[in-house]
Each structure stands twice: as structure tokens, then as C-alpha cells.
Amino acid sequence: MFATLTVAAFVIAAPVPKDTKPAGPAPRVLELTADSDGKVRVTVTRTENRKVMTSIAKVVNGQTVIERIEREIPTQRAVQVELTEVNDLMIYTANGKEADKAQAFKKLADGGVVIVSSDGQKVDQKYLKLFRDDVLVMVATEMLVTPTTMPRPSPFRGAAAGGIVVGPAVLPAQAIPVQIEVQAVPAPVAPPPPAPPAKPPVEKK
């Protein structure tokens, strides 16, 4: 006679983690519209070499000589380019699937609403759950918002990217000490009252 021993196995379930915050900054929603020529353009930030003249002081034969030379310095500026000309552009859909660029450009030929990454990295899916699966998501370093490409609302649609006129951002003014010279101005002195008219001499009898 065999005794049967039944062992109950208790499975401890792993604790369910709380909802974590999405990684990275929230993306921005961009409305694209076609310009008057029928092309869709976006604002990008590109670095270009700009030629400038600089002055260098040199000592020649004991005398200081100012020499003017031309140099190239890298300069960032906002430019308007066609959507198809954005460098290193990656397009996928809100459900995380990579999109065919040719089909995406065809879909946006007349404009549309897209999601743009704010840090040049893929957008966290927690953000994208707020959108339909077929919404296009764009990732490109050139499309990052910088102080020179901060959009400001405009009533003129199609004037720039997505009906938004892009121009230099208005940055807060820095506190610059200003020395003001105040001169003491003497207060105006009221003129003395006019003297009474002289009386005519009295003739003695």
C-alpha cells in the first residue's frame, strides 16, 4: 500500500508594475499644407559656412599692423525645403511599422497632419497610442525646433510649413546695465514783478 502525497504548488505572481512615464519629450503635431506651387515644404535647420572678414593685429618692425583676413564660420539658419529633401528622414506609422517613403510622400502630396519627433529619436509608443495607427510619424535631426525655428501662429496658411510662419524667436531681453548721466538743471526762476510806474514830479507853488 502506497501513500500518495499531494504537494500543492503555490505560484507567486510577479507584482504588476505601475504605468511608467513615456521616455523622451512629447512629439509635436505638425499640419502640412501645399504652397501655391503645389509643393509641401517644411522648415529645417541647416549649418552653412558663412564668409566673414576679421581683423588681426600683428607687430611688424616694431609697429602694430591691422590685417584683414576672410574666414569661414559655421552658421545655423532656418530654411524652407521640400518634404522630399529633408536629410536622414525616417517615416513610420503610429503603430510602430516602418512606412514606405514614396507612399508617404504621395499621401502627403496635398498636405496632412503628421507627428514629428522633438528630439530626433523614435517617439515613445505611449505617446503614439493617442493617435490612429495610420498617422505618419517623422524623425529627422533637421526638423528639431531650435530658437531660430520656433513657430509663431499666422493667419496666412501655406506661407510656410503647415500654415505656420517660421521666423526668429523673440527671446527674453537680457538685463544690461545702463549708465545714465543725470545733470542737475536749476529750477526756472520767476521774473520779478514789474516796478510801479514812476509818479510825475509835483510842481511847487
C-alpha atoms as a PDB file:
ATOM      1  CA  MET A   1       0.000   0.000   0.000  1.00  0.00           C
ATOM      2  CA  PHE A   2       1.465   3.226  -1.113  1.00  0.00           C
ATOM      3  CA  ALA A   3       0.617   6.546   0.400  1.00  0.00           C
ATOM      4  CA  THR A   4       0.057   9.229  -2.158  1.00  0.00           C
ATOM      5  CA  LEU A   5       1.423  12.562  -1.148  1.00  0.00           C
ATOM      6  CA  THR A   6      -0.078  15.546  -2.924  1.00  0.00           C
ATOM      7  CA  VAL A   7       2.017  18.677  -2.911  1.00  0.00           C
ATOM      8  CA  ALA A   8       0.289  21.939  -3.636  1.00  0.00           C
ATOM      9  CA  ALA A   9       2.463  24.330  -5.572  1.00  0.00           C
ATOM     10  CA  PHE A  10       1.902  27.955  -4.900  1.00  0.00           C
ATOM     11  CA  VAL A  11       2.854  30.225  -7.745  1.00  0.00           C
ATOM     12  CA  ILE A  12       3.685  33.719  -6.600  1.00  0.00           C
ATOM     13  CA  ALA A  13       2.696  36.171  -9.256  1.00  0.00           C
ATOM     14  CA  ALA A  14       5.135  38.948 -10.068  1.00  0.00           C
ATOM     15  CA  PRO A  15       3.981  42.382  -8.983  1.00  0.00           C
ATOM     16  CA  VAL A  16       2.366  44.344 -11.745  1.00  0.00           C
ATOM     17  CA  PRO A  17       4.474  47.464 -12.382  1.00  0.00           C
ATOM     18  CA  LYS A  18       2.744  50.768 -12.330  1.00  0.00           C
ATOM     19  CA  ASP A  19       2.404  52.750 -15.508  1.00  0.00           C
ATOM     20  CA  THR A  20       5.775  54.261 -16.284  1.00  0.00           C
ATOM     21  CA  LYS A  21       6.197  57.659 -17.792  1.00  0.00           C
ATOM     22  CA  PRO A  22       6.936  57.758 -21.514  1.00  0.00           C
ATOM     23  CA  ALA A  23      10.581  58.122 -22.426  1.00  0.00           C
ATOM     24  CA  GLY A  24      11.741  61.287 -24.111  1.00  0.00           C
ATOM     25  CA  PRO A  25       9.864  64.515 -24.777  1.00  0.00           C
ATOM     26  CA  ALA A  26       6.380  64.593 -26.200  1.00  0.00           C
ATOM     27  CA  PRO A  27       6.246  64.880 -30.003  1.00  0.00           C
ATOM     28  CA  ARG A  28       4.716  67.832 -31.782  1.00  0.00           C
ATOM     29  CA  VAL A  29       1.816  67.801 -34.185  1.00  0.00           C
ATOM     30  CA  LEU A  30       2.524  69.496 -37.498  1.00  0.00           C
ATOM     31  CA  GLU A  31      -0.043  70.336 -40.147  1.00  0.00           C
ATOM     32  CA  LEU A  32       1.440  70.331 -43.630  1.00  0.00           C
ATOM     33  CA  THR A  33      -0.138  72.312 -46.438  1.00  0.00           C
ATOM     34  CA  ALA A  34       0.834  72.723 -50.050  1.00  0.00           C
ATOM     35  CA  ASP A  35       2.180  76.087 -51.170  1.00  0.00           C
ATOM     36  CA  SER A  36       0.884  77.993 -54.158  1.00  0.00           C
ATOM     37  CA  ASP A  37       3.110  75.898 -56.442  1.00  0.00           C
ATOM     38  CA  GLY A  38       1.575  72.686 -55.130  1.00  0.00           C
ATOM     39  CA  LYS A  39       4.657  71.568 -53.169  1.00  0.00           C
ATOM     40  CA  VAL A  40       4.745  70.712 -49.477  1.00  0.00           C
ATOM     41  CA  ARG A  41       7.632  72.328 -47.629  1.00  0.00           C
ATOM     42  CA  VAL A  42       8.893  72.135 -44.069  1.00  0.00           C
ATOM     43  CA  THR A  43      11.293  74.226 -42.035  1.00  0.00           C
ATOM     44  CA  VAL A  44      14.649  72.673 -41.228  1.00  0.00           C
ATOM     45  CA  THR A  45      17.782  73.927 -39.503  1.00  0.00           C
ATOM     46  CA  ARG A  46      20.942  73.584 -41.536  1.00  0.00           C
ATOM     47  CA  THR A  47      24.542  74.550 -40.883  1.00  0.00           C
ATOM     48  CA  GLU A  48      26.249  76.561 -43.592  1.00  0.00           C
ATOM     49  CA  ASN A  49      29.697  78.084 -43.798  1.00  0.00           C
ATOM     50  CA  ARG A  50      29.499  81.864 -43.998  1.00  0.00           C
ATOM     51  CA  LYS A  51      32.403  84.042 -45.039  1.00  0.00           C
ATOM     52  CA  VAL A  52      33.226  86.911 -42.692  1.00  0.00           C
ATOM     53  CA  MET A  53      36.014  89.453 -42.537  1.00  0.00           C
ATOM     54  CA  THR A  54      38.052  89.585 -39.354  1.00  0.00           C
ATOM     55  CA  SER A  55      40.849  91.874 -38.196  1.00  0.00           C
ATOM     56  CA  ILE A  56      44.107  90.571 -36.746  1.00  0.00           C
ATOM     57  CA  ALA A  57      46.736  92.788 -35.151  1.00  0.00           C
ATOM     58  CA  LYS A  58      50.331  91.930 -35.974  1.00  0.00           C
ATOM     59  CA  VAL A  59      53.604  93.554 -34.963  1.00  0.00           C
ATOM     60  CA  VAL A  60      55.841  94.241 -37.966  1.00  0.00           C
ATOM     61  CA  ASN A  61      59.164  96.014 -37.458  1.00  0.00           C
ATOM     62  CA  GLY A  62      58.031  97.203 -34.090  1.00  0.00           C
ATOM     63  CA  GLN A  63      54.777  98.666 -35.413  1.00  0.00           C
ATOM     64  CA  THR A  64      51.268  97.279 -34.997  1.00  0.00           C
ATOM     65  CA  VAL A  65      49.642  96.455 -38.320  1.00  0.00           C
ATOM     66  CA  ILE A  66      45.963  95.556 -38.686  1.00  0.00           C
ATOM     67  CA  GLU A  67      45.463  92.803 -41.230  1.00  0.00           C
ATOM     68  CA  ARG A  68      42.060  91.933 -42.668  1.00  0.00           C
ATOM     69  CA  ILE A  69      41.503  88.271 -43.481  1.00  0.00           C
ATOM     70  CA  GLU A  70      38.500  86.287 -44.672  1.00  0.00           C
ATOM     71  CA  ARG A  71      37.323  83.331 -42.617  1.00  0.00           C
ATOM     72  CA  GLU A  72      34.503  80.801 -42.864  1.00  0.00           C
ATOM     73  CA  ILE A  73      32.433  80.181 -39.776  1.00  0.00           C
ATOM     74  CA  PRO A  74      29.636  77.601 -39.417  1.00  0.00           C
ATOM     75  CA  THR A  75      26.257  79.282 -39.092  1.00  0.00           C
ATOM     76  CA  GLN A  76      22.881  77.708 -38.393  1.00  0.00           C
ATOM     77  CA  ARG A  77      19.839  79.098 -40.115  1.00  0.00           C
ATOM     78  CA  ALA A  78      16.283  78.041 -40.800  1.00  0.00           C
ATOM     79  CA  VAL A  79      15.455  77.248 -44.410  1.00  0.00           C
ATOM     80  CA  GLN A  80      12.414  76.002 -46.267  1.00  0.00           C
ATOM     81  CA  VAL A  81      12.884  72.754 -48.187  1.00  0.00           C
ATOM     82  CA  GLU A  82      10.572  70.333 -49.875  1.00  0.00           C
ATOM     83  CA  LEU A  83       9.495  67.431 -47.728  1.00  0.00           C
ATOM     84  CA  THR A  84      11.305  65.008 -50.027  1.00  0.00           C
ATOM     85  CA  GLU A  85      14.611  66.886 -49.479  1.00  0.00           C
ATOM     86  CA  VAL A  86      14.814  66.514 -45.687  1.00  0.00           C
ATOM     87  CA  ASN A  87      18.075  64.776 -44.812  1.00  0.00           C
ATOM     88  CA  ASP A  88      18.032  61.499 -42.853  1.00  0.00           C
ATOM     89  CA  LEU A  89      14.245  61.477 -42.736  1.00  0.00           C
ATOM     90  CA  MET A  90      12.671  58.369 -41.225  1.00  0.00           C
ATOM     91  CA  ILE A  91       8.931  57.808 -41.531  1.00  0.00           C
ATOM     92  CA  TYR A  92       6.850  55.200 -39.762  1.00  0.00           C
ATOM     93  CA  THR A  93       3.268  54.889 -38.600  1.00  0.00           C
ATOM     94  CA  ALA A  94       1.864  55.381 -35.120  1.00  0.00           C
ATOM     95  CA  ASN A  95       1.597  51.620 -34.639  1.00  0.00           C
ATOM     96  CA  GLY A  96       5.385  51.348 -34.956  1.00  0.00           C
ATOM     97  CA  LYS A  97       5.614  49.981 -38.521  1.00  0.00           C
ATOM     98  CA  GLU A  98       8.087  51.487 -40.952  1.00  0.00           C
ATOM     99  CA  ALA A  99       6.386  53.330 -43.786  1.00  0.00           C
ATOM    100  CA  ASP A 100       7.403  53.400 -47.419  1.00  0.00           C
ATOM    101  CA  LYS A 101       8.694  56.913 -48.122  1.00  0.00           C
ATOM    102  CA  ALA A 102       7.361  57.041 -51.659  1.00  0.00           C
ATOM    103  CA  GLN A 103       3.885  56.093 -50.468  1.00  0.00           C
ATOM    104  CA  ALA A 104       4.124  58.532 -47.560  1.00  0.00           C
ATOM    105  CA  PHE A 105       5.095  61.416 -49.855  1.00  0.00           C
ATOM    106  CA  LYS A 106       2.229  60.510 -52.176  1.00  0.00           C
ATOM    107  CA  LYS A 107      -0.187  60.514 -49.241  1.00  0.00           C
ATOM    108  CA  LEU A 108       1.045  63.964 -48.167  1.00  0.00           C
ATOM    109  CA  ALA A 109       1.104  65.447 -51.669  1.00  0.00           C
ATOM    110  CA  ASP A 110      -1.744  67.787 -50.735  1.00  0.00           C
ATOM    111  CA  GLY A 111      -0.774  68.110 -47.069  1.00  0.00           C
ATOM    112  CA  GLY A 112      -1.891  66.420 -43.915  1.00  0.00           C
ATOM    113  CA  VAL A 113      -1.273  66.104 -40.189  1.00  0.00           C
ATOM    114  CA  VAL A 114       1.904  64.334 -39.079  1.00  0.00           C
ATOM    115  CA  ILE A 115       3.710  63.667 -35.810  1.00  0.00           C
ATOM    116  CA  VAL A 116       7.273  64.957 -35.560  1.00  0.00           C
ATOM    117  CA  SER A 117       9.856  63.787 -33.033  1.00  0.00           C
ATOM    118  CA  SER A 118      11.044  66.529 -30.691  1.00  0.00           C
ATOM    119  CA  ASP A 119      14.497  65.069 -30.016  1.00  0.00           C
ATOM    120  CA  GLY A 120      15.457  63.300 -33.229  1.00  0.00           C
ATOM    121  CA  GLN A 121      14.708  59.874 -31.728  1.00  0.00           C
ATOM    122  CA  LYS A 122      11.808  57.491 -32.233  1.00  0.00           C
ATOM    123  CA  VAL A 123       8.720  58.605 -30.351  1.00  0.00           C
ATOM    124  CA  ASP A 124       7.713  56.520 -27.355  1.00  0.00           C
ATOM    125  CA  GLN A 125       4.679  54.361 -28.122  1.00  0.00           C
ATOM    126  CA  LYS A 126       2.902  55.684 -25.047  1.00  0.00           C
ATOM    127  CA  TYR A 127       2.572  58.997 -26.858  1.00  0.00           C
ATOM    128  CA  LEU A 128       1.547  57.387 -30.137  1.00  0.00           C
ATOM    129  CA  LYS A 129      -1.337  55.462 -28.527  1.00  0.00           C
ATOM    130  CA  LEU A 130      -3.234  58.743 -28.664  1.00  0.00           C
ATOM    131  CA  PHE A 131      -3.283  58.657 -32.478  1.00  0.00           C
ATOM    132  CA  ARG A 132      -4.684  56.404 -35.158  1.00  0.00           C
ATOM    133  CA  ASP A 133      -2.422  53.601 -36.315  1.00  0.00           C
ATOM    134  CA  ASP A 134      -2.064  55.053 -39.820  1.00  0.00           C
ATOM    135  CA  VAL A 135      -0.886  58.504 -38.697  1.00  0.00           C
ATOM    136  CA  LEU A 136       2.608  59.181 -40.048  1.00  0.00           C
ATOM    137  CA  VAL A 137       5.465  59.847 -37.635  1.00  0.00           C
ATOM    138  CA  MET A 138       8.594  61.681 -38.843  1.00  0.00           C
ATOM    139  CA  VAL A 139      12.039  61.603 -37.291  1.00  0.00           C
ATOM    140  CA  ALA A 140      14.797  63.885 -38.587  1.00  0.00           C
ATOM    141  CA  THR A 141      17.514  65.835 -36.818  1.00  0.00           C
ATOM    142  CA  GLU A 142      16.979  68.753 -39.202  1.00  0.00           C
ATOM    143  CA  MET A 143      13.366  69.136 -38.072  1.00  0.00           C
ATOM    144  CA  LEU A 144      14.183  69.779 -34.431  1.00  0.00           C
ATOM    145  CA  VAL A 145      12.822  73.024 -33.058  1.00  0.00           C
ATOM    146  CA  THR A 146      15.587  75.495 -32.242  1.00  0.00           C
ATOM    147  CA  PRO A 147      15.455  79.139 -31.102  1.00  0.00           C
ATOM    148  CA  THR A 148      15.722  80.194 -34.740  1.00  0.00           C
ATOM    149  CA  THR A 149      12.912  77.934 -35.926  1.00  0.00           C
ATOM    150  CA  MET A 150      10.343  78.368 -33.203  1.00  0.00           C
ATOM    151  CA  PRO A 151       6.992  78.732 -34.961  1.00  0.00           C
ATOM    152  CA  ARG A 152       4.643  81.571 -34.310  1.00  0.00           C
ATOM    153  CA  PRO A 153       0.977  81.386 -35.369  1.00  0.00           C
ATOM    154  CA  SER A 154      -0.034  83.181 -38.525  1.00  0.00           C
ATOM    155  CA  PRO A 155      -3.415  83.652 -40.199  1.00  0.00           C
ATOM    156  CA  PHE A 156      -1.779  83.044 -43.610  1.00  0.00           C
ATOM    157  CA  ARG A 157      -1.941  79.351 -44.405  1.00  0.00           C
ATOM    158  CA  GLY A 158       0.584  77.869 -46.764  1.00  0.00           C
ATOM    159  CA  ALA A 159       3.023  80.722 -46.215  1.00  0.00           C
ATOM    160  CA  ALA A 160       5.412  78.274 -44.584  1.00  0.00           C
ATOM    161  CA  ALA A 161       5.422  74.838 -43.061  1.00  0.00           C
ATOM    162  CA  GLY A 162       1.917  73.703 -42.224  1.00  0.00           C
ATOM    163  CA  GLY A 163       0.365  77.156 -42.286  1.00  0.00           C
ATOM    164  CA  ILE A 164       2.927  78.362 -39.770  1.00  0.00           C
ATOM    165  CA  VAL A 165       5.214  81.237 -40.500  1.00  0.00           C
ATOM    166  CA  VAL A 166       8.604  80.424 -39.085  1.00  0.00           C
ATOM    167  CA  GLY A 167      10.894  83.245 -38.084  1.00  0.00           C
ATOM    168  CA  PRO A 168      13.411  84.202 -35.465  1.00  0.00           C
ATOM    169  CA  ALA A 169      12.122  83.591 -31.986  1.00  0.00           C
ATOM    170  CA  VAL A 170      11.686  86.521 -29.671  1.00  0.00           C
ATOM    171  CA  LEU A 171      13.957  85.755 -26.776  1.00  0.00           C
ATOM    172  CA  PRO A 172      13.657  87.491 -23.414  1.00  0.00           C
ATOM    173  CA  ALA A 173      15.787  90.579 -23.213  1.00  0.00           C
ATOM    174  CA  GLN A 174      18.857  90.312 -21.068  1.00  0.00           C
ATOM    175  CA  ALA A 175      19.378  92.728 -18.239  1.00  0.00           C
ATOM    176  CA  ILE A 176      22.095  95.076 -19.454  1.00  0.00           C
ATOM    177  CA  PRO A 177      23.359  97.682 -17.007  1.00  0.00           C
ATOM    178  CA  VAL A 178      22.928 101.125 -18.456  1.00  0.00           C
ATOM    179  CA  GLN A 179      24.737 104.097 -17.014  1.00  0.00           C
ATOM    180  CA  ILE A 180      22.666 107.217 -17.229  1.00  0.00           C
ATOM    181  CA  GLU A 181      24.221 110.579 -16.579  1.00  0.00           C
ATOM    182  CA  VAL A 182      21.861 112.931 -14.838  1.00  0.00           C
ATOM    183  CA  GLN A 183      22.701 116.600 -14.861  1.00  0.00           C
ATOM    184  CA  ALA A 184      21.278 118.973 -12.307  1.00  0.00           C
ATOM    185  CA  VAL A 185      19.115 121.528 -14.051  1.00  0.00           C
ATOM    186  CA  PRO A 186      18.335 124.637 -11.979  1.00  0.00           C
ATOM    187  CA  ALA A 187      14.692 125.322 -11.482  1.00  0.00           C
ATOM    188  CA  PRO A 188      13.397 128.267 -13.501  1.00  0.00           C
ATOM    189  CA  VAL A 189      13.382 131.498 -11.538  1.00  0.00           C
ATOM    190  CA  ALA A 190      10.235 133.595 -11.787  1.00  0.00           C
ATOM    191  CA  PRO A 191      10.965 137.108 -13.071  1.00  0.00           C
ATOM    192  CA  PRO A 192      10.478 139.880 -10.517  1.00  0.00           C
ATOM    193  CA  PRO A 193       7.188 141.767 -10.722  1.00  0.00           C
ATOM    194  CA  PRO A 194       7.339 144.912 -12.808  1.00  0.00           C
ATOM    195  CA  ALA A 195       8.091 148.097 -10.909  1.00  0.00           C
ATOM    196  CA  PRO A 196       5.164 150.501 -10.477  1.00  0.00           C
ATOM    197  CA  PRO A 197       5.216 153.437 -12.887  1.00  0.00           C
ATOM    198  CA  ALA A 198       7.029 156.480 -11.593  1.00  0.00           C
ATOM    199  CA  LYS A 199       4.775 159.309 -10.376  1.00  0.00           C
ATOM    200  CA  PRO A 200       5.167 162.642 -12.149  1.00  0.00           C
ATOM    201  CA  PRO A 201       7.004 165.285 -10.084  1.00  0.00           C
ATOM    202  CA  VAL A 202       4.780 167.678  -8.138  1.00  0.00           C
ATOM    203  CA  GLU A 203       5.326 171.316  -9.007  1.00  0.00           C
ATOM    204  CA  LYS A 204       5.852 173.634  -6.046  1.00  0.00           C
ATOM    205  CA  LYS A 205       3.782 176.815  -5.964  1.00  0.00           C
END
